[in-house]
Amino acid sequence: MANISIKSHSILSKIGISLYKTRKSLDQSLTAEIFLQKRDDILAVLPDKLENHSNKEIALFIAIMNTMTSTNPIINEIKIPANSNKDLDIELINYDEYKSVKNIISFGVTINSKINLIKAPLISDILRKPDLKKPLWEKIKNRAH
């Protein structure tokens, strides 16, 4: 890969030519760390801290989680290094409060898990494309019963 000068990069960006492309696949993690948010016995895996999401994204996340948890769950959040080769179950063994997890919902982050796993699109994608909600609700409904 050739390196270009800052001036060339600036000129290209001003005319709308990007040097980088964002990944579109849900199977590729975009971050070097992931965030685990445990609510009751459900673990949500997010590519970013929940507080960094927009208000609409947070409201959607809470609505999704409320379908699987109590109305006032005890919430624990930690970040761990993302490593697509590791099994998330191995990571959870190190954290006593995560041993009670019965279901995992992963929002756009690829993980391997022996625990019941619900693969969900990124929260921002669900807001942009409302047709992604129905398949997600079906997965949640099937896991809950």
Protein backbone atom coordinates (compact mmCIF):
# COMPACT_ATOMS: atom_id res chain seq x y z
CA MET A 1 0.00 0.00 0.00
CA ALA A 2 1.39 3.37 -1.03
CA ASN A 3 1.52 6.24 1.41
CA ILE A 4 0.25 9.61 0.25
CA SER A 5 1.01 13.02 1.62
CA ILE A 6 -1.32 14.86 3.97
CA LYS A 7 -1.86 17.49 1.27
CA SER A 8 -2.92 14.85 -1.28
CA HIS A 9 -5.20 13.23 1.28
CA SER A 10 -6.77 16.61 2.03
CA ILE A 11 -7.38 17.34 -1.67
CA LEU A 12 -8.91 13.91 -2.27
CA SER A 13 -11.22 14.23 0.73
CA LYS A 14 -12.37 17.69 -0.41
CA ILE A 15 -13.47 16.28 -3.78
CA GLY A 16 -15.23 13.37 -2.09
CA ILE A 17 -12.77 10.53 -2.63
CA SER A 18 -12.35 8.43 0.47
CA LEU A 19 -9.23 6.39 1.08
CA TYR A 20 -11.02 3.98 3.40
CA LYS A 21 -14.15 1.90 3.08
CA THR A 22 -16.35 0.89 6.00
CA ARG A 23 -17.08 -2.78 6.40
CA LYS A 24 -20.65 -3.71 5.64
CA SER A 25 -20.57 -7.28 6.86
CA LEU A 26 -22.13 -7.98 10.24
CA ASP A 27 -19.68 -10.85 10.63
CA GLN A 28 -16.66 -8.58 11.00
CA SER A 29 -16.04 -6.64 14.16
CA LEU A 30 -15.06 -3.02 13.58
CA THR A 31 -13.48 -2.46 16.96
CA ALA A 32 -10.48 -3.58 18.97
CA GLU A 33 -12.68 -3.99 22.03
CA ILE A 34 -16.24 -4.99 22.71
CA PHE A 35 -18.60 -3.97 25.47
CA LEU A 36 -20.58 -6.45 27.52
CA GLN A 37 -23.72 -5.31 29.22
CA LYS A 38 -25.36 -7.84 31.51
CA ARG A 39 -29.00 -7.37 32.46
CA ASP A 40 -30.44 -10.17 34.60
CA ASP A 41 -29.35 -13.37 32.81
CA ILE A 42 -29.05 -11.73 29.36
CA LEU A 43 -25.73 -10.49 28.02
CA ALA A 44 -25.66 -7.85 25.29
CA VAL A 45 -22.49 -7.53 23.22
CA LEU A 46 -21.97 -4.10 21.68
CA PRO A 47 -19.16 -2.65 19.53
CA ASP A 48 -19.31 0.63 21.50
CA LYS A 49 -20.36 1.87 24.94
CA LEU A 50 -24.11 2.31 25.17
CA GLU A 51 -23.70 5.94 26.28
CA ASN A 52 -21.97 6.69 22.95
CA HIS A 53 -25.12 5.80 20.98
CA SER A 54 -27.81 8.31 20.02
CA ASN A 55 -30.91 8.68 22.20
CA LYS A 56 -32.99 6.78 19.61
CA GLU A 57 -30.47 3.92 19.56
CA ILE A 58 -30.41 3.76 23.37
CA ALA A 59 -34.22 3.72 23.49
CA LEU A 60 -34.34 0.88 20.92
CA PHE A 61 -31.67 -1.07 22.82
CA ILE A 62 -33.59 -0.72 26.08
CA ALA A 63 -36.84 -1.77 24.36
CA ILE A 64 -35.15 -4.88 22.97
CA MET A 65 -33.59 -5.75 26.31
CA ASN A 66 -36.85 -5.14 28.19
CA THR A 67 -38.49 -7.88 26.14
CA MET A 68 -36.02 -10.35 27.66
CA THR A 69 -35.33 -8.93 31.13
CA SER A 70 -37.13 -7.48 34.12
CA THR A 71 -38.21 -3.83 34.05
CA ASN A 72 -35.47 -2.79 36.51
CA PRO A 73 -32.57 -5.13 35.84
CA ILE A 74 -29.26 -4.87 37.63
CA ILE A 75 -26.90 -3.68 34.93
CA ASN A 76 -23.17 -4.43 34.74
CA GLU A 77 -21.04 -3.17 31.86
CA ILE A 78 -17.42 -3.97 31.10
CA LYS A 79 -15.19 -3.82 28.06
CA ILE A 80 -12.95 -6.64 26.90
CA PRO A 81 -10.46 -6.88 24.04
CA ALA A 82 -12.12 -8.11 20.84
CA ASN A 83 -10.50 -11.25 19.49
CA SER A 84 -12.46 -13.10 16.83
CA ASN A 85 -10.48 -16.29 17.46
CA LYS A 86 -11.52 -16.59 21.12
CA ASP A 87 -14.69 -18.12 22.40
CA LEU A 88 -16.62 -15.57 24.44
CA ASP A 89 -17.49 -18.30 26.96
CA ILE A 90 -13.81 -18.50 27.89
CA GLU A 91 -13.77 -14.75 28.54
CA LEU A 92 -16.86 -14.97 30.75
CA ILE A 93 -15.27 -17.54 33.05
CA ASN A 94 -13.02 -14.76 34.35
CA TYR A 95 -15.96 -12.71 35.58
CA ASP A 96 -18.09 -14.23 38.37
CA GLU A 97 -21.05 -11.94 37.73
CA TYR A 98 -21.28 -13.26 34.14
CA LYS A 99 -21.53 -16.95 35.04
CA SER A 100 -25.34 -16.73 35.30
CA VAL A 101 -25.75 -15.70 31.63
CA LYS A 102 -28.32 -17.85 29.80
CA ASN A 103 -28.66 -15.90 26.54
CA ILE A 104 -26.37 -13.59 24.59
CA ILE A 105 -27.54 -11.01 22.08
CA SER A 106 -24.73 -9.70 19.88
CA PHE A 107 -25.32 -6.40 18.08
CA GLY A 108 -23.10 -6.53 14.99
CA VAL A 109 -20.18 -8.17 16.78
CA THR A 110 -18.99 -11.61 15.72
CA ILE A 111 -18.54 -13.95 18.66
CA ASN A 112 -18.37 -17.68 19.18
CA SER A 113 -20.38 -18.93 22.09
CA LYS A 114 -21.77 -22.14 23.50
CA ILE A 115 -24.42 -20.10 25.32
CA ASN A 116 -27.68 -19.39 23.41
CA LEU A 117 -26.67 -16.70 20.93
CA ILE A 118 -28.91 -14.24 19.10
CA LYS A 119 -27.08 -12.47 16.28
CA ALA A 120 -28.53 -9.01 15.75
CA PRO A 121 -27.60 -6.21 13.37
CA LEU A 122 -26.01 -3.04 14.69
CA ILE A 123 -28.56 -0.92 16.54
CA SER A 124 -28.03 1.93 14.05
CA ASP A 125 -28.82 -0.46 11.17
CA ILE A 126 -32.06 -1.55 12.84
CA LEU A 127 -33.13 2.09 13.08
CA ARG A 128 -32.19 2.79 9.45
CA LYS A 129 -33.86 -0.37 8.13
CA PRO A 130 -37.02 -1.13 10.15
CA ASP A 131 -37.49 -4.40 8.21
CA LEU A 132 -34.60 -5.82 10.29
CA LYS A 133 -36.77 -5.66 13.44
CA LYS A 134 -39.16 -8.50 12.57
CA PRO A 135 -36.48 -11.22 12.13
CA LEU A 136 -34.81 -10.02 15.35
CA TRP A 137 -38.09 -10.16 17.32
CA GLU A 138 -38.66 -13.69 15.98
CA LYS A 139 -35.22 -14.80 17.17
CA ILE A 140 -35.84 -13.25 20.59
CA LYS A 141 -39.29 -14.83 20.83
CA ASN A 142 -37.89 -18.28 19.97
CA ARG A 143 -35.12 -17.99 22.59
CA ALA A 144 -37.40 -16.70 25.33
CA HIS A 145 -39.75 -19.70 25.24
